[in-house]
Amino acid sequence: MDNIIKIDDNVNEIKETEKIYEISEDYNYTIPDTLSNYEQYKTNHTPLVIDIGTSQTNAGWATDSSPYLQFSTVVSKFRDRKTSKNVIYIGNEIYRGETFSRSNLRSPYDSNVIINPELLEYMMDYIFLKLGINSSIENPIIMTETLCNPNYSRKLVSELMFECYNVPSLCYGIDSLFSYYQNNDSFDNGIVISSGNHSTHVIPVVNNRGVLNLCQRLDYGGYEAAEYMLKQLQFKYPTFPSRMTNSQAQEITQKYCHVSLDYSEELEKISKPESRQDDIVIQFPFTPVVVEELDEEELKRREQQRKEQGTRLQKQAAKQREEK
C-alpha cells in the first residue's frame, strides 16, 4: 500500500510534479428524467429484462441496446418527522433525497440471495413506474438470478410476479451466461469467470450449455475488495481529517487498482526507488482555509485592543487581591 496509493487532504503539500487524482465527495448517481414510452413495447409484447444484482439493478426492454434503468439495489424507508408520514426512496433517489434517508439503507439481499419480498416489491413498483407501466403487465418477463439460487428465494420472486403483478410469463437465467452469449454470439465451448459484488463464479460451457454441476464459487467480490481498501486506508491514516465513505473506497478500488499477473514480481518491482513514479496521489474533497489579509492600520488597531484588554485584566486581578 505504501508504494501504491498516497492520500492527502491538503493539495498545497503535494509536489507539483505529481499527478493528482480527485475523489468524488459523494456517491455518483443518475436518474432518468422521463418515463419510458410503454405503448410502443406493449403492442409488440417485447420482453422486459430485469437484472436485480446485489449492487446494481438494470431494467429495460430486450430490443434496446442498453438498460433504460440503472440504480443501486437499496431501499430506504423511514418516517418523516415533519409530516409524520412514511417515506420510501428507491435506488439513486436516496442520494438525491434527505441525508437522513441514507442511514436507513436496506437491501432485499442477504449476501447474494433475495430474502426480503417487501423491499423487492418496492423496487419492482419503482421499475414499472419508471418504465411507464401504470396498468396491467402484458409483456413476458426475463429475470436474472444467482447461480444455484435456493428454491425458497425463487419462490418469493415468482409469487410476487404472478400474484401481485399478474405477469403473463416469467423466465429465469444466470446473468453471466447471458453475457457470455451476448459477447460471443454463440455458446461455443469456453469458461465463464463471473466476478460479482459478493462472490466470484467459474462456469464451464460445453456443448452449448453451462455445466452447472462443475461450477466453482469463491466468496470474494467487489464489495469485499472495496471493504478491504477502506480498512487499509483507515488503518494507515487514522487521523485523516474527513471520514472516508464506502463509495469513495469503491471508487478508488475500481479506478486506481489492478489485478497483478505476477504477485512476486510486482512486490519486487515496488520495492525499488524508481517505482515511486507510479505512485498515485488521491485528493480528497476539502475546504481550504481562508486567510484574512489585514492592512497595517487594522493590525495596529487590533494590537491596541489586545493591550487595552491586557491592562483591564491586570486591573481586575489587582482589585481582587486588594479585596482579599
C-alpha atoms as a PDB file:
ATOM      1  CA  MET A   1       0.000   0.000   0.000  1.00  0.00           C
ATOM      2  CA  ASP A   2       2.879   2.397   0.749  1.00  0.00           C
ATOM      3  CA  ASN A   3       4.103   2.215  -2.824  1.00  0.00           C
ATOM      4  CA  ILE A   4       0.728   2.259  -4.494  1.00  0.00           C
ATOM      5  CA  ILE A   5      -1.570   4.922  -3.049  1.00  0.00           C
ATOM      6  CA  LYS A   6      -0.878   8.136  -1.169  1.00  0.00           C
ATOM      7  CA  ILE A   7      -3.676  10.269   0.166  1.00  0.00           C
ATOM      8  CA  ASP A   8      -3.521  13.880   1.195  1.00  0.00           C
ATOM      9  CA  ASP A   9      -6.190  16.278   2.391  1.00  0.00           C
ATOM     10  CA  ASN A  10      -4.152  19.388   1.611  1.00  0.00           C
ATOM     11  CA  VAL A  11      -3.314  19.979  -2.026  1.00  0.00           C
ATOM     12  CA  ASN A  12      -0.672  22.573  -1.137  1.00  0.00           C
ATOM     13  CA  GLU A  13       1.585  19.933   0.399  1.00  0.00           C
ATOM     14  CA  ILE A  14       1.742  17.770  -2.728  1.00  0.00           C
ATOM     15  CA  LYS A  15       4.653  18.145  -5.071  1.00  0.00           C
ATOM     16  CA  GLU A  16       3.881  19.963  -8.289  1.00  0.00           C
ATOM     17  CA  THR A  17       5.420  17.161 -10.352  1.00  0.00           C
ATOM     18  CA  GLU A  18       2.954  14.563  -9.048  1.00  0.00           C
ATOM     19  CA  LYS A  19      -0.312  13.942 -10.849  1.00  0.00           C
ATOM     20  CA  ILE A  20      -3.318  14.364  -8.591  1.00  0.00           C
ATOM     21  CA  TYR A  21      -6.481  12.289  -8.929  1.00  0.00           C
ATOM     22  CA  GLU A  22      -9.549  13.801  -7.329  1.00  0.00           C
ATOM     23  CA  ILE A  23     -12.038  11.622  -5.488  1.00  0.00           C
ATOM     24  CA  SER A  24     -15.759  12.324  -5.507  1.00  0.00           C
ATOM     25  CA  GLU A  25     -17.236  13.921  -2.416  1.00  0.00           C
ATOM     26  CA  ASP A  26     -20.433  11.926  -2.672  1.00  0.00           C
ATOM     27  CA  TYR A  27     -21.956   8.964  -4.474  1.00  0.00           C
ATOM     28  CA  ASN A  28     -22.208   9.482  -8.232  1.00  0.00           C
ATOM     29  CA  TYR A  29     -25.723   8.749  -9.417  1.00  0.00           C
ATOM     30  CA  THR A  30     -28.013   9.280 -12.384  1.00  0.00           C
ATOM     31  CA  ILE A  31     -31.809   9.323 -12.510  1.00  0.00           C
ATOM     32  CA  PRO A  32     -33.799   9.189 -15.786  1.00  0.00           C
ATOM     33  CA  ASP A  33     -35.689  12.424 -16.339  1.00  0.00           C
ATOM     34  CA  THR A  34     -38.507  10.927 -18.427  1.00  0.00           C
ATOM     35  CA  LEU A  35     -40.615   7.797 -18.299  1.00  0.00           C
ATOM     36  CA  SER A  36     -40.314   5.100 -20.918  1.00  0.00           C
ATOM     37  CA  ASN A  37     -42.997   5.019 -23.621  1.00  0.00           C
ATOM     38  CA  TYR A  38     -44.681   1.763 -22.701  1.00  0.00           C
ATOM     39  CA  GLU A  39     -47.224   1.790 -25.545  1.00  0.00           C
ATOM     40  CA  GLN A  40     -44.607   1.116 -28.236  1.00  0.00           C
ATOM     41  CA  TYR A  41     -43.465  -2.036 -26.398  1.00  0.00           C
ATOM     42  CA  LYS A  42     -46.883  -3.160 -25.164  1.00  0.00           C
ATOM     43  CA  THR A  43     -48.385  -3.942 -28.559  1.00  0.00           C
ATOM     44  CA  ASN A  44     -45.356  -5.969 -29.688  1.00  0.00           C
ATOM     45  CA  HIS A  45     -45.157  -7.934 -26.407  1.00  0.00           C
ATOM     46  CA  THR A  46     -41.475  -7.031 -26.143  1.00  0.00           C
ATOM     47  CA  PRO A  47     -39.824  -8.972 -23.288  1.00  0.00           C
ATOM     48  CA  LEU A  48     -38.906  -6.908 -20.252  1.00  0.00           C
ATOM     49  CA  VAL A  49     -35.451  -7.742 -18.874  1.00  0.00           C
ATOM     50  CA  ILE A  50     -34.839  -7.177 -15.154  1.00  0.00           C
ATOM     51  CA  ASP A  51     -31.395  -7.766 -13.669  1.00  0.00           C
ATOM     52  CA  ILE A  52     -31.540  -7.224  -9.905  1.00  0.00           C
ATOM     53  CA  GLY A  53     -27.956  -7.552  -8.699  1.00  0.00           C
ATOM     54  CA  THR A  54     -26.707  -7.198  -5.159  1.00  0.00           C
ATOM     55  CA  SER A  55     -25.054  -3.880  -6.020  1.00  0.00           C
ATOM     56  CA  GLN A  56     -26.858  -2.523  -9.078  1.00  0.00           C
ATOM     57  CA  THR A  57     -30.204  -3.124 -10.738  1.00  0.00           C
ATOM     58  CA  ASN A  58     -30.669  -2.881 -14.503  1.00  0.00           C
ATOM     59  CA  ALA A  59     -34.014  -2.926 -16.271  1.00  0.00           C
ATOM     60  CA  GLY A  60     -35.140  -2.297 -19.812  1.00  0.00           C
ATOM     61  CA  TRP A  61     -36.574  -3.766 -22.970  1.00  0.00           C
ATOM     62  CA  ALA A  62     -34.987  -6.703 -24.780  1.00  0.00           C
ATOM     63  CA  THR A  63     -34.910  -4.825 -28.099  1.00  0.00           C
ATOM     64  CA  ASP A  64     -32.868  -1.929 -26.678  1.00  0.00           C
ATOM     65  CA  SER A  65     -29.073  -1.987 -26.768  1.00  0.00           C
ATOM     66  CA  SER A  66     -28.700  -0.792 -23.164  1.00  0.00           C
ATOM     67  CA  PRO A  67     -30.830  -0.794 -19.996  1.00  0.00           C
ATOM     68  CA  TYR A  68     -33.262   2.081 -19.568  1.00  0.00           C
ATOM     69  CA  LEU A  69     -32.849   1.982 -15.783  1.00  0.00           C
ATOM     70  CA  GLN A  70     -29.670   1.594 -13.737  1.00  0.00           C
ATOM     71  CA  PHE A  71     -29.731   2.210  -9.995  1.00  0.00           C
ATOM     72  CA  SER A  72     -28.343   0.931  -6.698  1.00  0.00           C
ATOM     73  CA  THR A  73     -30.129  -2.068  -5.201  1.00  0.00           C
ATOM     74  CA  VAL A  74     -31.092  -0.331  -1.969  1.00  0.00           C
ATOM     75  CA  VAL A  75     -34.306   0.869  -0.348  1.00  0.00           C
ATOM     76  CA  SER A  76     -34.743   3.489   2.367  1.00  0.00           C
ATOM     77  CA  LYS A  77     -37.982   3.576   4.352  1.00  0.00           C
ATOM     78  CA  PHE A  78     -38.403   5.967   7.254  1.00  0.00           C
ATOM     79  CA  ARG A  79     -40.956   8.200   8.951  1.00  0.00           C
ATOM     80  CA  ASP A  80     -40.754  11.883   8.117  1.00  0.00           C
ATOM     81  CA  ARG A  81     -40.733  13.890  11.345  1.00  0.00           C
ATOM     82  CA  LYS A  82     -42.318  16.946   9.752  1.00  0.00           C
ATOM     83  CA  THR A  83     -45.259  15.264   8.023  1.00  0.00           C
ATOM     84  CA  SER A  84     -45.457  12.113  10.219  1.00  0.00           C
ATOM     85  CA  LYS A  85     -45.777  10.039   7.047  1.00  0.00           C
ATOM     86  CA  ASN A  86     -43.766   7.056   5.858  1.00  0.00           C
ATOM     87  CA  VAL A  87     -41.345   7.930   3.072  1.00  0.00           C
ATOM     88  CA  ILE A  88     -39.765   5.422   0.693  1.00  0.00           C
ATOM     89  CA  TYR A  89     -36.761   6.134  -1.518  1.00  0.00           C
ATOM     90  CA  ILE A  90     -35.519   3.640  -4.103  1.00  0.00           C
ATOM     91  CA  GLY A  91     -32.030   3.317  -5.560  1.00  0.00           C
ATOM     92  CA  ASN A  92     -30.354   6.531  -6.626  1.00  0.00           C
ATOM     93  CA  GLU A  93     -33.311   8.598  -5.386  1.00  0.00           C
ATOM     94  CA  ILE A  94     -31.859   8.062  -1.902  1.00  0.00           C
ATOM     95  CA  TYR A  95     -28.756  10.117  -2.670  1.00  0.00           C
ATOM     96  CA  ARG A  96     -30.857  12.979  -4.012  1.00  0.00           C
ATOM     97  CA  GLY A  97     -33.207  12.967  -1.028  1.00  0.00           C
ATOM     98  CA  GLU A  98     -32.706  13.894   2.594  1.00  0.00           C
ATOM     99  CA  THR A  99     -29.427  12.994   4.261  1.00  0.00           C
ATOM    100  CA  PHE A 100     -31.324  11.137   6.984  1.00  0.00           C
ATOM    101  CA  SER A 101     -32.592   8.628   4.411  1.00  0.00           C
ATOM    102  CA  ARG A 102     -29.063   7.323   3.840  1.00  0.00           C
ATOM    103  CA  SER A 103     -28.853   5.966   7.373  1.00  0.00           C
ATOM    104  CA  ASN A 104     -31.804   3.652   6.685  1.00  0.00           C
ATOM    105  CA  LEU A 105     -30.425   1.816   3.657  1.00  0.00           C
ATOM    106  CA  ARG A 106     -31.622  -1.760   3.286  1.00  0.00           C
ATOM    107  CA  SER A 107     -31.225  -4.387   0.593  1.00  0.00           C
ATOM    108  CA  PRO A 108     -33.563  -7.243  -0.354  1.00  0.00           C
ATOM    109  CA  TYR A 109     -30.464  -9.457  -0.423  1.00  0.00           C
ATOM    110  CA  ASP A 110     -28.558 -11.377   2.197  1.00  0.00           C
ATOM    111  CA  SER A 111     -25.195 -11.920   0.523  1.00  0.00           C
ATOM    112  CA  ASN A 112     -26.456 -12.773  -2.992  1.00  0.00           C
ATOM    113  CA  VAL A 113     -29.802 -14.387  -2.098  1.00  0.00           C
ATOM    114  CA  ILE A 114     -33.114 -12.480  -2.054  1.00  0.00           C
ATOM    115  CA  ILE A 115     -34.806 -12.847   1.348  1.00  0.00           C
ATOM    116  CA  ASN A 116     -36.999  -9.745   1.717  1.00  0.00           C
ATOM    117  CA  PRO A 117     -40.073  -9.730  -0.571  1.00  0.00           C
ATOM    118  CA  GLU A 118     -41.329  -6.404   0.840  1.00  0.00           C
ATOM    119  CA  LEU A 119     -38.249  -4.488  -0.290  1.00  0.00           C
ATOM    120  CA  LEU A 120     -38.297  -6.354  -3.601  1.00  0.00           C
ATOM    121  CA  GLU A 121     -41.895  -5.234  -4.159  1.00  0.00           C
ATOM    122  CA  TYR A 122     -40.916  -1.600  -3.565  1.00  0.00           C
ATOM    123  CA  MET A 123     -38.188  -1.970  -6.177  1.00  0.00           C
ATOM    124  CA  MET A 124     -40.495  -3.635  -8.713  1.00  0.00           C
ATOM    125  CA  ASP A 125     -43.058  -0.837  -8.251  1.00  0.00           C
ATOM    126  CA  TYR A 126     -40.294   1.676  -8.942  1.00  0.00           C
ATOM    127  CA  ILE A 127     -39.107  -0.206 -12.043  1.00  0.00           C
ATOM    128  CA  PHE A 128     -42.570  -0.496 -13.585  1.00  0.00           C
ATOM    129  CA  LEU A 129     -43.333   3.142 -12.776  1.00  0.00           C
ATOM    130  CA  LYS A 130     -40.149   4.407 -14.460  1.00  0.00           C
ATOM    131  CA  LEU A 131     -40.835   2.193 -17.488  1.00  0.00           C
ATOM    132  CA  GLY A 132     -44.210   3.877 -17.893  1.00  0.00           C
ATOM    133  CA  ILE A 133     -46.288   0.860 -16.847  1.00  0.00           C
ATOM    134  CA  ASN A 134     -49.304   2.019 -14.851  1.00  0.00           C
ATOM    135  CA  SER A 135     -51.724  -0.727 -15.860  1.00  0.00           C
ATOM    136  CA  SER A 136     -51.600  -4.494 -16.234  1.00  0.00           C
ATOM    137  CA  ILE A 137     -48.352  -6.010 -17.482  1.00  0.00           C
ATOM    138  CA  GLU A 138     -48.805  -7.816 -20.790  1.00  0.00           C
ATOM    139  CA  ASN A 139     -45.139  -8.398 -21.593  1.00  0.00           C
ATOM    140  CA  PRO A 140     -43.119 -11.522 -20.771  1.00  0.00           C
ATOM    141  CA  ILE A 141     -40.503 -11.002 -18.060  1.00  0.00           C
ATOM    142  CA  ILE A 142     -36.888 -12.198 -18.090  1.00  0.00           C
ATOM    143  CA  MET A 143     -35.149 -12.037 -14.705  1.00  0.00           C
ATOM    144  CA  THR A 144     -31.618 -12.902 -13.691  1.00  0.00           C
ATOM    145  CA  GLU A 145     -30.839 -14.876 -10.566  1.00  0.00           C
ATOM    146  CA  THR A 146     -27.752 -16.043  -8.743  1.00  0.00           C
ATOM    147  CA  LEU A 147     -26.096 -19.335  -9.582  1.00  0.00           C
ATOM    148  CA  CYS A 148     -27.764 -22.262  -7.759  1.00  0.00           C
ATOM    149  CA  ASN A 149     -30.431 -19.952  -6.390  1.00  0.00           C
ATOM    150  CA  PRO A 150     -32.320 -21.574  -3.464  1.00  0.00           C
ATOM    151  CA  ASN A 151     -35.888 -22.654  -4.242  1.00  0.00           C
ATOM    152  CA  TYR A 152     -37.179 -20.504  -1.389  1.00  0.00           C
ATOM    153  CA  SER A 153     -35.719 -17.344  -2.921  1.00  0.00           C
ATOM    154  CA  ARG A 154     -37.089 -18.176  -6.371  1.00  0.00           C
ATOM    155  CA  LYS A 155     -40.486 -18.892  -4.814  1.00  0.00           C
ATOM    156  CA  LEU A 156     -40.582 -15.411  -3.251  1.00  0.00           C
ATOM    157  CA  VAL A 157     -39.904 -13.778  -6.604  1.00  0.00           C
ATOM    158  CA  SER A 158     -42.351 -15.988  -8.520  1.00  0.00           C
ATOM    159  CA  GLU A 159     -45.188 -15.365  -6.061  1.00  0.00           C
ATOM    160  CA  LEU A 160     -44.602 -11.625  -6.238  1.00  0.00           C
ATOM    161  CA  MET A 161     -44.528 -11.502 -10.041  1.00  0.00           C
ATOM    162  CA  PHE A 162     -47.539 -13.754 -10.682  1.00  0.00           C
ATOM    163  CA  GLU A 163     -49.799 -12.929  -7.731  1.00  0.00           C
ATOM    164  CA  CYS A 164     -49.049  -9.228  -7.307  1.00  0.00           C
ATOM    165  CA  TYR A 165     -48.346  -8.108 -10.884  1.00  0.00           C
ATOM    166  CA  ASN A 166     -50.111 -10.869 -12.876  1.00  0.00           C
ATOM    167  CA  VAL A 167     -47.307 -11.142 -15.416  1.00  0.00           C
ATOM    168  CA  PRO A 168     -48.131 -13.475 -18.347  1.00  0.00           C
ATOM    169  CA  SER A 169     -44.844 -15.394 -18.208  1.00  0.00           C
ATOM    170  CA  LEU A 170     -41.558 -15.362 -16.333  1.00  0.00           C
ATOM    171  CA  CYS A 171     -38.163 -16.768 -17.302  1.00  0.00           C
ATOM    172  CA  TYR A 172     -35.100 -17.043 -15.052  1.00  0.00           C
ATOM    173  CA  GLY A 173     -31.486 -17.087 -16.198  1.00  0.00           C
ATOM    174  CA  ILE A 174     -27.920 -16.605 -14.977  1.00  0.00           C
ATOM    175  CA  ASP A 175     -26.587 -13.177 -15.899  1.00  0.00           C
ATOM    176  CA  SER A 176     -23.046 -14.350 -16.671  1.00  0.00           C
ATOM    177  CA  LEU A 177     -24.304 -16.942 -19.186  1.00  0.00           C
ATOM    178  CA  PHE A 178     -26.466 -14.290 -20.844  1.00  0.00           C
ATOM    179  CA  SER A 179     -23.372 -12.096 -21.066  1.00  0.00           C
ATOM    180  CA  TYR A 180     -21.301 -14.969 -22.488  1.00  0.00           C
ATOM    181  CA  TYR A 181     -23.781 -15.436 -25.311  1.00  0.00           C
ATOM    182  CA  GLN A 182     -24.009 -11.683 -25.943  1.00  0.00           C
ATOM    183  CA  ASN A 183     -20.231 -11.295 -26.266  1.00  0.00           C
ATOM    184  CA  ASN A 184     -19.619 -14.445 -28.330  1.00  0.00           C
ATOM    185  CA  ASP A 185     -22.909 -14.508 -30.241  1.00  0.00           C
ATOM    186  CA  SER A 186     -22.819 -18.257 -29.563  1.00  0.00           C
ATOM    187  CA  PHE A 187     -22.435 -20.861 -26.820  1.00  0.00           C
ATOM    188  CA  ASP A 188     -19.130 -22.290 -28.025  1.00  0.00           C
ATOM    189  CA  ASN A 189     -17.064 -24.239 -25.514  1.00  0.00           C
ATOM    190  CA  GLY A 190     -15.381 -21.947 -23.007  1.00  0.00           C
ATOM    191  CA  ILE A 191     -15.143 -20.838 -19.390  1.00  0.00           C
ATOM    192  CA  VAL A 192     -17.122 -18.020 -17.786  1.00  0.00           C
ATOM    193  CA  ILE A 193     -15.497 -16.162 -14.881  1.00  0.00           C
ATOM    194  CA  SER A 194     -18.148 -14.005 -13.262  1.00  0.00           C
ATOM    195  CA  SER A 195     -16.962 -11.654 -10.515  1.00  0.00           C
ATOM    196  CA  GLY A 196     -19.923 -10.039  -8.769  1.00  0.00           C
ATOM    197  CA  ASN A 197     -20.435  -7.882  -5.722  1.00  0.00           C
ATOM    198  CA  HIS A 198     -20.181 -10.634  -3.111  1.00  0.00           C
ATOM    199  CA  SER A 199     -18.877 -13.703  -4.945  1.00  0.00           C
ATOM    200  CA  THR A 200     -16.999 -14.961  -7.987  1.00  0.00           C
ATOM    201  CA  HIS A 201     -18.171 -17.948 -10.055  1.00  0.00           C
ATOM    202  CA  VAL A 202     -16.374 -20.074 -12.616  1.00  0.00           C
ATOM    203  CA  ILE A 203     -18.756 -21.826 -15.032  1.00  0.00           C
ATOM    204  CA  PRO A 204     -17.606 -24.151 -17.843  1.00  0.00           C
ATOM    205  CA  VAL A 205     -19.621 -24.034 -21.078  1.00  0.00           C
ATOM    206  CA  VAL A 206     -19.700 -27.290 -23.060  1.00  0.00           C
ATOM    207  CA  ASN A 207     -21.956 -28.303 -25.952  1.00  0.00           C
ATOM    208  CA  ASN A 208     -23.927 -25.058 -25.881  1.00  0.00           C
ATOM    209  CA  ARG A 209     -24.796 -25.354 -22.194  1.00  0.00           C
ATOM    210  CA  GLY A 210     -23.389 -24.169 -18.895  1.00  0.00           C
ATOM    211  CA  VAL A 211     -22.211 -27.165 -16.875  1.00  0.00           C
ATOM    212  CA  LEU A 212     -23.573 -26.041 -13.511  1.00  0.00           C
ATOM    213  CA  ASN A 213     -22.654 -29.205 -11.610  1.00  0.00           C
ATOM    214  CA  LEU A 214     -18.973 -28.423 -12.273  1.00  0.00           C
ATOM    215  CA  CYS A 215     -19.086 -24.720 -11.406  1.00  0.00           C
ATOM    216  CA  GLN A 216     -16.957 -23.255  -8.614  1.00  0.00           C
ATOM    217  CA  ARG A 217     -17.719 -20.397  -6.240  1.00  0.00           C
ATOM    218  CA  LEU A 218     -15.342 -18.059  -4.410  1.00  0.00           C
ATOM    219  CA  ASP A 219     -16.831 -15.874  -1.663  1.00  0.00           C
ATOM    220  CA  TYR A 220     -14.987 -12.755  -2.753  1.00  0.00           C
ATOM    221  CA  GLY A 221     -16.275  -9.929  -4.904  1.00  0.00           C
ATOM    222  CA  GLY A 222     -16.204  -6.199  -5.463  1.00  0.00           C
ATOM    223  CA  TYR A 223     -17.737  -5.394  -2.083  1.00  0.00           C
ATOM    224  CA  GLU A 224     -15.056  -7.324  -0.201  1.00  0.00           C
ATOM    225  CA  ALA A 225     -12.304  -5.649  -2.260  1.00  0.00           C
ATOM    226  CA  ALA A 226     -13.659  -2.151  -1.519  1.00  0.00           C
ATOM    227  CA  GLU A 227     -14.162  -3.005   2.155  1.00  0.00           C
ATOM    228  CA  TYR A 228     -10.554  -4.201   2.398  1.00  0.00           C
ATOM    229  CA  MET A 229      -9.374  -0.988   0.739  1.00  0.00           C
ATOM    230  CA  LEU A 230     -11.378   1.103   3.219  1.00  0.00           C
ATOM    231  CA  LYS A 231      -9.933  -0.742   6.220  1.00  0.00           C
ATOM    232  CA  GLN A 232      -6.384  -0.362   4.889  1.00  0.00           C
ATOM    233  CA  LEU A 233      -6.824   3.384   4.368  1.00  0.00           C
ATOM    234  CA  GLN A 234      -8.370   3.841   7.813  1.00  0.00           C
ATOM    235  CA  PHE A 235      -5.508   1.896   9.374  1.00  0.00           C
ATOM    236  CA  LYS A 236      -2.835   3.857   7.518  1.00  0.00           C
ATOM    237  CA  TYR A 237      -4.454   7.272   8.021  1.00  0.00           C
ATOM    238  CA  PRO A 238      -6.129   7.086  11.470  1.00  0.00           C
ATOM    239  CA  THR A 239      -6.002  10.883  11.923  1.00  0.00           C
ATOM    240  CA  PHE A 240      -7.404  11.709   8.489  1.00  0.00           C
ATOM    241  CA  PRO A 241      -9.497  14.887   8.959  1.00  0.00           C
ATOM    242  CA  SER A 242     -12.515  13.740   6.920  1.00  0.00           C
ATOM    243  CA  ARG A 243     -14.451  10.491   7.136  1.00  0.00           C
ATOM    244  CA  MET A 244     -13.810   8.102   4.264  1.00  0.00           C
ATOM    245  CA  THR A 245     -17.005   6.580   2.900  1.00  0.00           C
ATOM    246  CA  ASN A 246     -17.696   3.196   1.348  1.00  0.00           C
ATOM    247  CA  SER A 247     -18.486   4.800  -2.008  1.00  0.00           C
ATOM    248  CA  GLN A 248     -15.105   6.585  -2.005  1.00  0.00           C
ATOM    249  CA  ALA A 249     -13.295   3.332  -1.213  1.00  0.00           C
ATOM    250  CA  GLN A 250     -15.208   1.668  -4.032  1.00  0.00           C
ATOM    251  CA  GLU A 251     -14.241   4.446  -6.456  1.00  0.00           C
ATOM    252  CA  ILE A 252     -10.557   4.105  -5.528  1.00  0.00           C
ATOM    253  CA  THR A 253     -10.705   0.327  -5.941  1.00  0.00           C
ATOM    254  CA  GLN A 254     -12.402   0.469  -9.332  1.00  0.00           C
ATOM    255  CA  LYS A 255     -10.396   3.330 -10.857  1.00  0.00           C
ATOM    256  CA  TYR A 256      -6.890   3.016  -9.445  1.00  0.00           C
ATOM    257  CA  CYS A 257      -6.323  -0.647  -8.555  1.00  0.00           C
ATOM    258  CA  HIS A 258      -5.460  -3.547 -10.805  1.00  0.00           C
ATOM    259  CA  VAL A 259      -5.042  -7.311 -10.637  1.00  0.00           C
ATOM    260  CA  SER A 260      -1.419  -8.388 -10.563  1.00  0.00           C
ATOM    261  CA  LEU A 261      -0.484 -11.039 -13.111  1.00  0.00           C
ATOM    262  CA  ASP A 262       2.661 -11.971 -11.164  1.00  0.00           C
ATOM    263  CA  TYR A 263       2.395 -11.092  -7.476  1.00  0.00           C
ATOM    264  CA  SER A 264       6.016 -11.876  -6.532  1.00  0.00           C
ATOM    265  CA  GLU A 265       7.392  -9.913  -9.465  1.00  0.00           C
ATOM    266  CA  GLU A 266       5.230  -6.908  -8.619  1.00  0.00           C
ATOM    267  CA  LEU A 267       6.321  -6.948  -4.964  1.00  0.00           C
ATOM    268  CA  GLU A 268       9.926  -6.852  -6.102  1.00  0.00           C
ATOM    269  CA  LYS A 269       9.166  -4.035  -8.532  1.00  0.00           C
ATOM    270  CA  ILE A 270       7.505  -1.729  -5.976  1.00  0.00           C
ATOM    271  CA  SER A 271      10.386  -2.238  -3.526  1.00  0.00           C
ATOM    272  CA  LYS A 272      12.704  -0.324  -5.877  1.00  0.00           C
ATOM    273  CA  PRO A 273      13.000   3.501  -5.649  1.00  0.00           C
ATOM    274  CA  GLU A 274      12.199   4.026  -9.330  1.00  0.00           C
ATOM    275  CA  SER A 275       8.721   2.592  -8.763  1.00  0.00           C
ATOM    276  CA  ARG A 276       7.820   5.821  -6.940  1.00  0.00           C
ATOM    277  CA  GLN A 277       6.946   7.373 -10.286  1.00  0.00           C
ATOM    278  CA  ASP A 278       3.952   5.029 -10.435  1.00  0.00           C
ATOM    279  CA  ASP A 279       2.560   6.253  -7.103  1.00  0.00           C
ATOM    280  CA  ILE A 280      -0.999   7.509  -7.164  1.00  0.00           C
ATOM    281  CA  VAL A 281      -1.929  10.660  -5.249  1.00  0.00           C
ATOM    282  CA  ILE A 282      -5.584  10.889  -4.270  1.00  0.00           C
ATOM    283  CA  GLN A 283      -7.009  14.325  -3.474  1.00  0.00           C
ATOM    284  CA  PHE A 284      -9.985  14.077  -1.131  1.00  0.00           C
ATOM    285  CA  PRO A 285     -12.564  16.890  -1.012  1.00  0.00           C
ATOM    286  CA  PHE A 286     -11.600  19.586   1.472  1.00  0.00           C
ATOM    287  CA  THR A 287     -12.498  23.142   2.365  1.00  0.00           C
ATOM    288  CA  PRO A 288      -9.482  25.441   2.013  1.00  0.00           C
ATOM    289  CA  VAL A 289      -8.705  27.688   4.948  1.00  0.00           C
ATOM    290  CA  VAL A 290      -9.324  31.311   4.042  1.00  0.00           C
ATOM    291  CA  VAL A 291      -6.573  33.510   5.446  1.00  0.00           C
ATOM    292  CA  GLU A 292      -7.773  37.027   6.103  1.00  0.00           C
ATOM    293  CA  GLU A 293      -5.313  39.624   4.865  1.00  0.00           C
ATOM    294  CA  LEU A 294      -5.133  42.712   7.117  1.00  0.00           C
ATOM    295  CA  ASP A 295      -3.680  46.079   6.242  1.00  0.00           C
ATOM    296  CA  GLU A 296      -1.227  47.911   8.521  1.00  0.00           C
ATOM    297  CA  GLU A 297      -3.896  50.139  10.041  1.00  0.00           C
ATOM    298  CA  GLU A 298      -6.082  47.170  11.020  1.00  0.00           C
ATOM    299  CA  LEU A 299      -3.085  45.366  12.539  1.00  0.00           C
ATOM    300  CA  LYS A 300      -2.298  48.415  14.697  1.00  0.00           C
ATOM    301  CA  ARG A 301      -5.931  48.677  15.799  1.00  0.00           C
ATOM    302  CA  ARG A 302      -6.061  45.019  16.873  1.00  0.00           C
ATOM    303  CA  GLU A 303      -2.728  45.342  18.661  1.00  0.00           C
ATOM    304  CA  GLN A 304      -4.092  48.317  20.591  1.00  0.00           C
ATOM    305  CA  GLN A 305      -7.201  46.296  21.530  1.00  0.00           C
ATOM    306  CA  ARG A 306      -5.044  43.468  22.878  1.00  0.00           C
ATOM    307  CA  LYS A 307      -3.022  45.918  25.006  1.00  0.00           C
ATOM    308  CA  GLU A 308      -6.167  47.530  26.396  1.00  0.00           C
ATOM    309  CA  GLN A 309      -7.654  44.139  27.190  1.00  0.00           C
ATOM    310  CA  GLY A 310      -4.434  43.113  28.961  1.00  0.00           C
ATOM    311  CA  THR A 311      -4.490  46.309  31.019  1.00  0.00           C
ATOM    312  CA  ARG A 312      -8.105  45.673  32.080  1.00  0.00           C
ATOM    313  CA  LEU A 313      -7.278  42.128  33.164  1.00  0.00           C
ATOM    314  CA  GLN A 314      -4.314  43.374  35.224  1.00  0.00           C
ATOM    315  CA  LYS A 315      -6.515  45.949  36.977  1.00  0.00           C
ATOM    316  CA  GLN A 316      -9.174  43.315  37.733  1.00  0.00           C
ATOM    317  CA  ALA A 317      -6.560  40.970  39.190  1.00  0.00           C
ATOM    318  CA  ALA A 318      -5.101  43.770  41.345  1.00  0.00           C
ATOM    319  CA  LYS A 319      -8.569  44.706  42.613  1.00  0.00           C
ATOM    320  CA  GLN A 320      -9.305  41.086  43.584  1.00  0.00           C
ATOM    321  CA  ARG A 321      -6.027  40.887  45.541  1.00  0.00           C
ATOM    322  CA  GLU A 322      -6.868  44.088  47.462  1.00  0.00           C
ATOM    323  CA  GLU A 323     -10.332  42.768  48.394  1.00  0.00           C
ATOM    324  CA  LYS A 324      -8.775  39.637  49.883  1.00  0.00           C
END
